[in-house]
Amino acid sequence: MNDHLKIKIFSPNEEEDLRWLNQLWQVEWGGEAMVSRGHVFYLHDLHSVMAKDENGYVGAATYRFDMENNCELMIINALSPASGVGTRLLAAVEQEASRRGCRRVWLITSNDNLDALRFYQKRGYRITAVYPGAIDEARSIKPTIPLKGDHDIEIHDEIELEKRLL
């Protein structure tokens, strides 16, 4: 992480924060809905943390708590890769999950997202499941999911990763 960057991590509480977060979801995720394991989740129903530096917003993460006392990370976006923002956002989500007594933080990514697989595994996450064809099925719910993704790889499968909390 760039130590000279002064990054503030906070929960959105102003209208401007919510507008920016909504715009981020529109641009990066194709709307206000996210499909995970066949369920649709909406931005306004999720918890969020955001990152800001002296120039403005630099990232956000959204997450939810499930009935089994786990925390599902829905999205994490750092506008400047390799800046430490993503790591700080992830740590904030993990801290909140620990504070709430969650046993684990888990997430779903797609088979094309090699950068995410590297990012999470370097931070202690383990692959716990692969769901072949799950994204093909999710397209019936959210047709805006692209057919090809990172590195021109066809997107078909969901990959679940988790980190156990102490």
N, C-alpha and C. Protein backbone atom coordinates (compact mmCIF):
# COMPACT_ATOMS: atom_id res chain seq x y z
N MET A 1 0.84 -1.18 0.00
CA MET A 1 0.00 0.00 0.00
C MET A 1 0.88 1.24 0.00
N ASN A 2 0.43 2.26 -0.65
CA ASN A 2 1.16 3.51 -0.67
C ASN A 2 0.92 4.24 0.65
N ASP A 3 1.94 4.29 1.51
CA ASP A 3 1.78 4.89 2.83
C ASP A 3 1.51 6.38 2.76
N HIS A 4 1.93 7.03 1.68
CA HIS A 4 1.71 8.47 1.59
C HIS A 4 0.26 8.82 1.28
N LEU A 5 -0.54 7.83 0.86
CA LEU A 5 -1.95 8.08 0.59
C LEU A 5 -2.72 8.10 1.90
N LYS A 6 -3.45 9.13 2.14
CA LYS A 6 -4.31 9.23 3.32
C LYS A 6 -5.71 8.79 2.90
N ILE A 7 -6.04 7.56 3.22
CA ILE A 7 -7.32 7.00 2.82
C ILE A 7 -8.21 6.89 4.05
N LYS A 8 -9.42 7.40 3.92
CA LYS A 8 -10.41 7.32 4.99
C LYS A 8 -11.41 6.23 4.61
N ILE A 9 -11.64 5.27 5.51
CA ILE A 9 -12.63 4.22 5.31
C ILE A 9 -13.83 4.58 6.19
N PHE A 10 -15.04 4.56 5.62
CA PHE A 10 -16.22 5.00 6.37
C PHE A 10 -17.47 4.34 5.80
N SER A 11 -18.53 4.36 6.59
CA SER A 11 -19.84 3.90 6.12
C SER A 11 -20.55 5.08 5.48
N PRO A 12 -21.19 4.85 4.34
CA PRO A 12 -21.88 5.97 3.68
C PRO A 12 -23.04 6.46 4.54
N ASN A 13 -23.12 7.77 4.71
CA ASN A 13 -24.20 8.32 5.52
C ASN A 13 -24.76 9.61 4.95
N GLU A 14 -24.20 10.05 3.86
CA GLU A 14 -24.70 11.27 3.22
C GLU A 14 -25.26 10.93 1.85
N GLU A 15 -26.16 11.74 1.37
CA GLU A 15 -26.79 11.51 0.07
C GLU A 15 -25.75 11.42 -1.05
N GLU A 16 -24.73 12.26 -0.97
CA GLU A 16 -23.66 12.25 -1.98
C GLU A 16 -22.95 10.88 -2.01
N ASP A 17 -22.71 10.31 -0.83
CA ASP A 17 -22.07 8.99 -0.75
C ASP A 17 -22.94 7.94 -1.45
N LEU A 18 -24.22 7.96 -1.16
CA LEU A 18 -25.14 6.97 -1.73
C LEU A 18 -25.28 7.13 -3.25
N ARG A 19 -25.28 8.36 -3.72
CA ARG A 19 -25.33 8.60 -5.17
C ARG A 19 -24.10 8.04 -5.85
N TRP A 20 -22.92 8.29 -5.27
CA TRP A 20 -21.68 7.78 -5.85
C TRP A 20 -21.68 6.25 -5.85
N LEU A 21 -22.10 5.64 -4.75
CA LEU A 21 -22.13 4.19 -4.65
C LEU A 21 -23.10 3.60 -5.67
N ASN A 22 -24.24 4.22 -5.83
CA ASN A 22 -25.22 3.78 -6.83
C ASN A 22 -24.63 3.87 -8.23
N GLN A 23 -23.95 4.96 -8.53
CA GLN A 23 -23.31 5.13 -9.84
C GLN A 23 -22.23 4.07 -10.06
N LEU A 24 -21.45 3.78 -9.03
CA LEU A 24 -20.44 2.73 -9.12
C LEU A 24 -21.08 1.40 -9.50
N TRP A 25 -22.16 1.05 -8.84
CA TRP A 25 -22.86 -0.21 -9.16
C TRP A 25 -23.37 -0.20 -10.60
N GLN A 26 -23.91 0.94 -11.04
CA GLN A 26 -24.41 1.03 -12.41
C GLN A 26 -23.29 0.77 -13.41
N VAL A 27 -22.15 1.43 -13.22
CA VAL A 27 -21.04 1.35 -14.16
C VAL A 27 -20.34 -0.01 -14.10
N GLU A 28 -20.03 -0.46 -12.89
CA GLU A 28 -19.22 -1.67 -12.72
C GLU A 28 -20.03 -2.97 -12.75
N TRP A 29 -21.29 -2.90 -12.31
CA TRP A 29 -22.07 -4.13 -12.13
C TRP A 29 -23.37 -4.13 -12.91
N GLY A 30 -23.62 -3.11 -13.74
CA GLY A 30 -24.76 -3.12 -14.64
C GLY A 30 -26.11 -2.89 -13.99
N GLY A 31 -26.15 -2.20 -12.87
CA GLY A 31 -27.43 -1.88 -12.24
C GLY A 31 -27.35 -1.94 -10.73
N GLU A 32 -28.52 -1.89 -10.09
CA GLU A 32 -28.60 -1.90 -8.63
C GLU A 32 -28.81 -3.29 -8.07
N ALA A 33 -28.80 -4.31 -8.93
CA ALA A 33 -29.03 -5.68 -8.49
C ALA A 33 -27.78 -6.53 -8.72
N MET A 34 -27.55 -7.46 -7.81
CA MET A 34 -26.44 -8.41 -7.90
C MET A 34 -27.03 -9.80 -7.73
N VAL A 35 -26.61 -10.73 -8.57
CA VAL A 35 -27.06 -12.11 -8.45
C VAL A 35 -25.92 -12.93 -7.85
N SER A 36 -26.23 -13.62 -6.75
CA SER A 36 -25.25 -14.48 -6.09
C SER A 36 -25.94 -15.76 -5.68
N ARG A 37 -25.43 -16.87 -6.17
CA ARG A 37 -25.98 -18.19 -5.88
C ARG A 37 -27.46 -18.27 -6.20
N GLY A 38 -27.86 -17.60 -7.29
CA GLY A 38 -29.23 -17.66 -7.77
C GLY A 38 -30.20 -16.72 -7.07
N HIS A 39 -29.71 -15.91 -6.14
CA HIS A 39 -30.55 -14.96 -5.42
C HIS A 39 -30.19 -13.55 -5.88
N VAL A 40 -31.20 -12.68 -5.92
CA VAL A 40 -30.99 -11.30 -6.31
C VAL A 40 -30.91 -10.44 -5.05
N PHE A 41 -29.88 -9.62 -5.00
CA PHE A 41 -29.69 -8.69 -3.89
C PHE A 41 -29.61 -7.28 -4.46
N TYR A 42 -30.20 -6.33 -3.74
CA TYR A 42 -30.23 -4.95 -4.19
C TYR A 42 -29.35 -4.09 -3.30
N LEU A 43 -28.70 -3.14 -3.92
CA LEU A 43 -27.78 -2.26 -3.22
C LEU A 43 -28.39 -1.67 -1.96
N HIS A 44 -29.62 -1.21 -2.03
CA HIS A 44 -30.23 -0.54 -0.88
C HIS A 44 -30.48 -1.48 0.31
N ASP A 45 -30.36 -2.79 0.10
CA ASP A 45 -30.55 -3.75 1.19
C ASP A 45 -29.24 -4.23 1.81
N LEU A 46 -28.12 -3.71 1.34
CA LEU A 46 -26.80 -4.20 1.76
C LEU A 46 -26.09 -3.18 2.64
N HIS A 47 -25.09 -3.65 3.36
CA HIS A 47 -24.20 -2.78 4.13
C HIS A 47 -23.05 -2.36 3.21
N SER A 48 -22.46 -1.21 3.50
CA SER A 48 -21.37 -0.70 2.67
C SER A 48 -20.30 -0.02 3.49
N VAL A 49 -19.10 -0.06 2.95
CA VAL A 49 -18.01 0.80 3.42
C VAL A 49 -17.42 1.44 2.17
N MET A 50 -16.93 2.65 2.35
CA MET A 50 -16.38 3.39 1.23
C MET A 50 -15.00 3.89 1.59
N ALA A 51 -14.25 4.24 0.56
CA ALA A 51 -12.91 4.79 0.75
C ALA A 51 -12.82 6.12 0.01
N LYS A 52 -12.16 7.05 0.67
CA LYS A 52 -12.00 8.39 0.10
C LYS A 52 -10.59 8.86 0.41
N ASP A 53 -10.00 9.57 -0.54
CA ASP A 53 -8.74 10.25 -0.25
C ASP A 53 -8.96 11.74 -0.43
N GLU A 54 -7.88 12.50 -0.45
CA GLU A 54 -8.03 13.96 -0.54
C GLU A 54 -8.66 14.42 -1.86
N ASN A 55 -8.69 13.54 -2.87
CA ASN A 55 -9.27 13.90 -4.16
C ASN A 55 -10.69 13.39 -4.37
N GLY A 56 -11.19 12.59 -3.46
CA GLY A 56 -12.56 12.08 -3.60
C GLY A 56 -12.64 10.58 -3.36
N TYR A 57 -13.71 9.99 -3.83
CA TYR A 57 -13.97 8.57 -3.62
C TYR A 57 -12.97 7.72 -4.39
N VAL A 58 -12.47 6.66 -3.76
CA VAL A 58 -11.50 5.79 -4.41
C VAL A 58 -11.89 4.31 -4.35
N GLY A 59 -13.03 4.00 -3.73
CA GLY A 59 -13.46 2.61 -3.70
C GLY A 59 -14.62 2.38 -2.76
N ALA A 60 -15.17 1.16 -2.86
CA ALA A 60 -16.29 0.77 -2.00
C ALA A 60 -16.39 -0.74 -1.95
N ALA A 61 -17.01 -1.21 -0.88
CA ALA A 61 -17.33 -2.63 -0.73
C ALA A 61 -18.74 -2.72 -0.17
N THR A 62 -19.51 -3.70 -0.63
CA THR A 62 -20.83 -3.96 -0.08
C THR A 62 -20.88 -5.41 0.38
N TYR A 63 -21.68 -5.64 1.40
CA TYR A 63 -21.73 -6.96 2.01
C TYR A 63 -23.07 -7.14 2.72
N ARG A 64 -23.32 -8.39 3.13
CA ARG A 64 -24.55 -8.70 3.86
C ARG A 64 -24.24 -9.78 4.89
N PHE A 65 -25.13 -9.88 5.86
CA PHE A 65 -25.04 -10.93 6.87
C PHE A 65 -26.15 -11.93 6.60
N ASP A 66 -25.79 -13.22 6.57
CA ASP A 66 -26.80 -14.24 6.27
C ASP A 66 -27.32 -14.88 7.55
N MET A 67 -28.28 -15.77 7.40
CA MET A 67 -28.95 -16.41 8.55
C MET A 67 -28.03 -17.38 9.30
N GLU A 68 -26.94 -17.80 8.69
CA GLU A 68 -26.02 -18.74 9.35
C GLU A 68 -24.89 -18.02 10.07
N ASN A 69 -25.05 -16.72 10.28
CA ASN A 69 -24.04 -15.92 10.97
C ASN A 69 -22.73 -15.85 10.20
N ASN A 70 -22.86 -15.66 8.89
CA ASN A 70 -21.72 -15.46 8.00
C ASN A 70 -21.89 -14.11 7.33
N CYS A 71 -20.80 -13.63 6.76
CA CYS A 71 -20.81 -12.36 6.03
C CYS A 71 -20.46 -12.65 4.57
N GLU A 72 -21.35 -12.27 3.67
CA GLU A 72 -21.07 -12.42 2.24
C GLU A 72 -20.62 -11.09 1.68
N LEU A 73 -19.43 -11.06 1.13
CA LEU A 73 -18.92 -9.88 0.44
C LEU A 73 -19.53 -9.88 -0.95
N MET A 74 -20.30 -8.85 -1.26
CA MET A 74 -20.99 -8.79 -2.55
C MET A 74 -20.11 -8.17 -3.64
N ILE A 75 -19.54 -7.01 -3.34
CA ILE A 75 -18.64 -6.36 -4.29
C ILE A 75 -17.52 -5.66 -3.54
N ILE A 76 -16.42 -5.54 -4.23
CA ILE A 76 -15.35 -4.68 -3.76
C ILE A 76 -14.74 -4.05 -5.01
N ASN A 77 -14.66 -2.73 -5.00
CA ASN A 77 -14.09 -2.00 -6.13
C ASN A 77 -13.08 -1.00 -5.60
N ALA A 78 -11.86 -1.10 -6.08
CA ALA A 78 -10.84 -0.10 -5.83
C ALA A 78 -10.54 0.56 -7.16
N LEU A 79 -10.71 1.87 -7.23
CA LEU A 79 -10.56 2.56 -8.51
C LEU A 79 -9.12 2.58 -9.00
N SER A 80 -8.17 2.45 -8.09
CA SER A 80 -6.76 2.39 -8.47
C SER A 80 -6.19 1.05 -8.01
N PRO A 81 -6.05 0.10 -8.93
CA PRO A 81 -5.51 -1.20 -8.54
C PRO A 81 -4.12 -1.07 -7.92
N ALA A 82 -3.83 -1.98 -6.99
CA ALA A 82 -2.52 -2.06 -6.32
C ALA A 82 -2.21 -0.81 -5.49
N SER A 83 -3.24 -0.09 -5.07
CA SER A 83 -3.04 1.11 -4.25
C SER A 83 -3.23 0.84 -2.77
N GLY A 84 -3.73 -0.34 -2.42
CA GLY A 84 -4.02 -0.67 -1.03
C GLY A 84 -5.46 -0.41 -0.64
N VAL A 85 -6.22 0.22 -1.50
CA VAL A 85 -7.62 0.54 -1.19
C VAL A 85 -8.43 -0.74 -1.01
N GLY A 86 -8.31 -1.68 -1.92
CA GLY A 86 -9.06 -2.92 -1.82
C GLY A 86 -8.74 -3.69 -0.55
N THR A 87 -7.48 -3.73 -0.19
CA THR A 87 -7.06 -4.40 1.04
C THR A 87 -7.66 -3.73 2.26
N ARG A 88 -7.67 -2.42 2.28
CA ARG A 88 -8.26 -1.68 3.41
C ARG A 88 -9.77 -1.89 3.48
N LEU A 89 -10.44 -1.89 2.34
CA LEU A 89 -11.88 -2.13 2.34
C LEU A 89 -12.20 -3.54 2.84
N LEU A 90 -11.45 -4.51 2.35
CA LEU A 90 -11.66 -5.90 2.77
C LEU A 90 -11.43 -6.04 4.27
N ALA A 91 -10.40 -5.42 4.79
CA ALA A 91 -10.12 -5.47 6.23
C ALA A 91 -11.27 -4.86 7.03
N ALA A 92 -11.86 -3.78 6.53
CA ALA A 92 -12.98 -3.14 7.23
C ALA A 92 -14.20 -4.07 7.27
N VAL A 93 -14.46 -4.77 6.17
CA VAL A 93 -15.57 -5.73 6.14
C VAL A 93 -15.29 -6.87 7.11
N GLU A 94 -14.08 -7.40 7.09
CA GLU A 94 -13.72 -8.50 8.00
C GLU A 94 -13.83 -8.06 9.46
N GLN A 95 -13.42 -6.84 9.77
CA GLN A 95 -13.52 -6.34 11.15
C GLN A 95 -14.98 -6.25 11.59
N GLU A 96 -15.84 -5.75 10.71
CA GLU A 96 -17.25 -5.64 11.05
C GLU A 96 -17.87 -7.03 11.22
N ALA A 97 -17.49 -7.98 10.37
CA ALA A 97 -17.98 -9.34 10.49
C ALA A 97 -17.53 -9.96 11.82
N SER A 98 -16.29 -9.75 12.18
CA SER A 98 -15.78 -10.25 13.47
C SER A 98 -16.53 -9.61 14.63
N ARG A 99 -16.74 -8.31 14.54
CA ARG A 99 -17.45 -7.59 15.60
C ARG A 99 -18.85 -8.15 15.80
N ARG A 100 -19.48 -8.59 14.71
CA ARG A 100 -20.83 -9.14 14.78
C ARG A 100 -20.84 -10.63 15.10
N GLY A 101 -19.67 -11.22 15.30
CA GLY A 101 -19.60 -12.63 15.67
C GLY A 101 -19.72 -13.60 14.51
N CYS A 102 -19.46 -13.14 13.30
CA CYS A 102 -19.54 -14.03 12.14
C CYS A 102 -18.42 -15.07 12.19
N ARG A 103 -18.72 -16.25 11.69
CA ARG A 103 -17.73 -17.32 11.64
C ARG A 103 -16.83 -17.22 10.43
N ARG A 104 -17.36 -16.62 9.34
CA ARG A 104 -16.58 -16.55 8.12
C ARG A 104 -17.06 -15.38 7.25
N VAL A 105 -16.17 -14.95 6.36
CA VAL A 105 -16.52 -14.04 5.27
C VAL A 105 -16.38 -14.87 4.00
N TRP A 106 -17.39 -14.81 3.15
CA TRP A 106 -17.34 -15.57 1.92
C TRP A 106 -17.79 -14.70 0.76
N LEU A 107 -17.46 -15.15 -0.44
CA LEU A 107 -17.82 -14.39 -1.63
C LEU A 107 -17.90 -15.32 -2.83
N ILE A 108 -18.53 -14.81 -3.85
CA ILE A 108 -18.62 -15.49 -5.14
C ILE A 108 -17.91 -14.61 -6.17
N THR A 109 -17.09 -15.23 -7.00
CA THR A 109 -16.53 -14.53 -8.14
C THR A 109 -16.74 -15.41 -9.37
N SER A 110 -16.46 -14.88 -10.51
CA SER A 110 -16.67 -15.64 -11.75
C SER A 110 -15.36 -16.28 -12.21
N ASN A 111 -15.50 -17.29 -13.04
CA ASN A 111 -14.34 -18.07 -13.49
C ASN A 111 -13.32 -17.24 -14.28
N ASP A 112 -13.72 -16.11 -14.83
CA ASP A 112 -12.80 -15.28 -15.61
C ASP A 112 -11.99 -14.32 -14.75
N ASN A 113 -12.38 -14.15 -13.50
CA ASN A 113 -11.82 -13.09 -12.66
C ASN A 113 -10.54 -13.55 -11.96
N LEU A 114 -9.50 -13.72 -12.76
CA LEU A 114 -8.22 -14.21 -12.25
C LEU A 114 -7.59 -13.23 -11.26
N ASP A 115 -7.80 -11.93 -11.49
CA ASP A 115 -7.24 -10.93 -10.58
C ASP A 115 -7.88 -11.05 -9.20
N ALA A 116 -9.19 -11.28 -9.15
CA ALA A 116 -9.87 -11.46 -7.86
C ALA A 116 -9.41 -12.73 -7.17
N LEU A 117 -9.26 -13.79 -7.91
CA LEU A 117 -8.79 -15.05 -7.32
C LEU A 117 -7.41 -14.86 -6.67
N ARG A 118 -6.54 -14.15 -7.35
CA ARG A 118 -5.22 -13.86 -6.79
C ARG A 118 -5.33 -12.97 -5.56
N PHE A 119 -6.09 -11.89 -5.66
CA PHE A 119 -6.26 -10.93 -4.58
C PHE A 119 -6.73 -11.62 -3.30
N TYR A 120 -7.81 -12.37 -3.40
CA TYR A 120 -8.38 -12.98 -2.19
C TYR A 120 -7.50 -14.09 -1.62
N GLN A 121 -6.91 -14.92 -2.47
CA GLN A 121 -6.07 -15.99 -1.95
C GLN A 121 -4.83 -15.44 -1.24
N LYS A 122 -4.30 -14.34 -1.74
CA LYS A 122 -3.15 -13.72 -1.06
C LYS A 122 -3.53 -13.17 0.31
N ARG A 123 -4.84 -12.99 0.55
CA ARG A 123 -5.31 -12.44 1.82
C ARG A 123 -5.99 -13.50 2.69
N GLY A 124 -5.66 -14.77 2.42
CA GLY A 124 -6.11 -15.85 3.28
C GLY A 124 -7.40 -16.53 2.91
N TYR A 125 -7.97 -16.20 1.77
CA TYR A 125 -9.22 -16.84 1.34
C TYR A 125 -8.90 -18.14 0.63
N ARG A 126 -9.80 -19.10 0.78
CA ARG A 126 -9.63 -20.42 0.16
C ARG A 126 -10.82 -20.70 -0.74
N ILE A 127 -10.58 -21.39 -1.84
CA ILE A 127 -11.67 -21.82 -2.72
C ILE A 127 -12.40 -22.96 -2.02
N THR A 128 -13.70 -22.81 -1.85
CA THR A 128 -14.49 -23.83 -1.15
C THR A 128 -15.50 -24.52 -2.05
N ALA A 129 -15.81 -23.91 -3.19
CA ALA A 129 -16.77 -24.56 -4.10
C ALA A 129 -16.68 -23.93 -5.48
N VAL A 130 -17.03 -24.73 -6.46
CA VAL A 130 -17.18 -24.26 -7.84
C VAL A 130 -18.57 -24.69 -8.29
N TYR A 131 -19.30 -23.75 -8.87
CA TYR A 131 -20.67 -24.01 -9.33
C TYR A 131 -20.71 -23.89 -10.85
N PRO A 132 -20.47 -25.01 -11.55
CA PRO A 132 -20.45 -24.98 -13.01
C PRO A 132 -21.80 -24.53 -13.58
N GLY A 133 -21.75 -23.60 -14.51
CA GLY A 133 -22.95 -23.13 -15.20
C GLY A 133 -23.82 -22.17 -14.41
N ALA A 134 -23.41 -21.81 -13.21
CA ALA A 134 -24.25 -20.94 -12.38
C ALA A 134 -24.45 -19.55 -12.99
N ILE A 135 -23.44 -19.05 -13.66
CA ILE A 135 -23.59 -17.72 -14.26
C ILE A 135 -24.44 -17.80 -15.52
N ASP A 136 -24.36 -18.90 -16.23
CA ASP A 136 -25.27 -19.10 -17.37
C ASP A 136 -26.71 -19.03 -16.88
N GLU A 137 -27.00 -19.67 -15.75
CA GLU A 137 -28.35 -19.63 -15.16
C GLU A 137 -28.70 -18.23 -14.68
N ALA A 138 -27.73 -17.52 -14.10
CA ALA A 138 -27.98 -16.17 -13.58
C ALA A 138 -28.37 -15.20 -14.68
N ARG A 139 -27.94 -15.45 -15.91
CA ARG A 139 -28.30 -14.57 -17.02
C ARG A 139 -29.80 -14.55 -17.28
N SER A 140 -30.51 -15.60 -16.88
CA SER A 140 -31.97 -15.59 -17.04
C SER A 140 -32.60 -14.60 -16.06
N ILE A 141 -31.92 -14.32 -14.96
CA ILE A 141 -32.38 -13.35 -13.98
C ILE A 141 -31.88 -11.95 -14.33
N LYS A 142 -30.61 -11.88 -14.74
CA LYS A 142 -29.97 -10.59 -15.05
C LYS A 142 -29.27 -10.72 -16.40
N PRO A 143 -30.00 -10.45 -17.48
CA PRO A 143 -29.45 -10.63 -18.83
C PRO A 143 -28.26 -9.73 -19.17
N THR A 144 -27.98 -8.72 -18.36
CA THR A 144 -26.86 -7.82 -18.64
C THR A 144 -25.51 -8.44 -18.28
N ILE A 145 -25.49 -9.61 -17.66
CA ILE A 145 -24.22 -10.27 -17.36
C ILE A 145 -23.55 -10.60 -18.68
N PRO A 146 -22.32 -10.14 -18.89
CA PRO A 146 -21.66 -10.36 -20.18
C PRO A 146 -21.31 -11.83 -20.41
N LEU A 147 -21.13 -12.17 -21.68
CA LEU A 147 -20.75 -13.54 -22.06
C LEU A 147 -19.26 -13.77 -21.89
N LYS A 148 -18.48 -12.71 -22.09
CA LYS A 148 -17.03 -12.79 -21.92
C LYS A 148 -16.59 -11.74 -20.92
N GLY A 149 -15.51 -12.06 -20.20
CA GLY A 149 -15.03 -11.15 -19.18
C GLY A 149 -13.56 -10.89 -19.30
N ASP A 150 -12.93 -10.79 -18.15
CA ASP A 150 -11.51 -10.50 -18.09
C ASP A 150 -10.71 -11.48 -18.95
N HIS A 151 -9.70 -10.95 -19.63
CA HIS A 151 -8.79 -11.74 -20.45
C HIS A 151 -9.51 -12.49 -21.57
N ASP A 152 -10.68 -11.97 -21.96
CA ASP A 152 -11.48 -12.55 -23.05
C ASP A 152 -11.89 -14.00 -22.76
N ILE A 153 -12.10 -14.31 -21.48
CA ILE A 153 -12.51 -15.65 -21.04
C ILE A 153 -14.03 -15.69 -20.98
N GLU A 154 -14.63 -16.74 -21.52
CA GLU A 154 -16.08 -16.91 -21.42
C GLU A 154 -16.47 -17.10 -19.96
N ILE A 155 -17.57 -16.44 -19.56
CA ILE A 155 -18.02 -16.49 -18.18
C ILE A 155 -19.15 -17.51 -18.06
N HIS A 156 -18.93 -18.54 -17.26
CA HIS A 156 -19.94 -19.59 -17.06
C HIS A 156 -20.14 -19.95 -15.59
N ASP A 157 -19.07 -19.96 -14.81
CA ASP A 157 -19.10 -20.60 -13.50
C ASP A 157 -18.88 -19.61 -12.36
N GLU A 158 -19.49 -19.93 -11.20
CA GLU A 158 -19.23 -19.18 -9.98
C GLU A 158 -18.21 -19.95 -9.16
N ILE A 159 -17.32 -19.20 -8.53
CA ILE A 159 -16.31 -19.78 -7.64
C ILE A 159 -16.52 -19.15 -6.26
N GLU A 160 -16.68 -19.98 -5.26
CA GLU A 160 -16.87 -19.51 -3.89
C GLU A 160 -15.54 -19.57 -3.15
N LEU A 161 -15.23 -18.49 -2.46
CA LEU A 161 -14.06 -18.43 -1.60
C LEU A 161 -14.51 -18.03 -0.21
N GLU A 162 -13.74 -18.43 0.80
CA GLU A 162 -14.06 -18.04 2.15
C GLU A 162 -12.81 -17.84 2.98
N LYS A 163 -12.99 -17.05 4.03
CA LYS A 163 -11.95 -16.89 5.04
C LYS A 163 -12.62 -17.11 6.39
N ARG A 164 -12.09 -18.05 7.12
CA ARG A 164 -12.62 -18.31 8.47
C ARG A 164 -12.13 -17.23 9.42
N LEU A 165 -13.02 -16.77 10.26
CA LEU A 165 -12.67 -15.75 11.25
C LEU A 165 -12.46 -16.42 12.59
N LEU A 166 -11.62 -15.83 13.41
CA LEU A 166 -11.34 -16.40 14.73
C LEU A 166 -12.48 -16.15 15.69
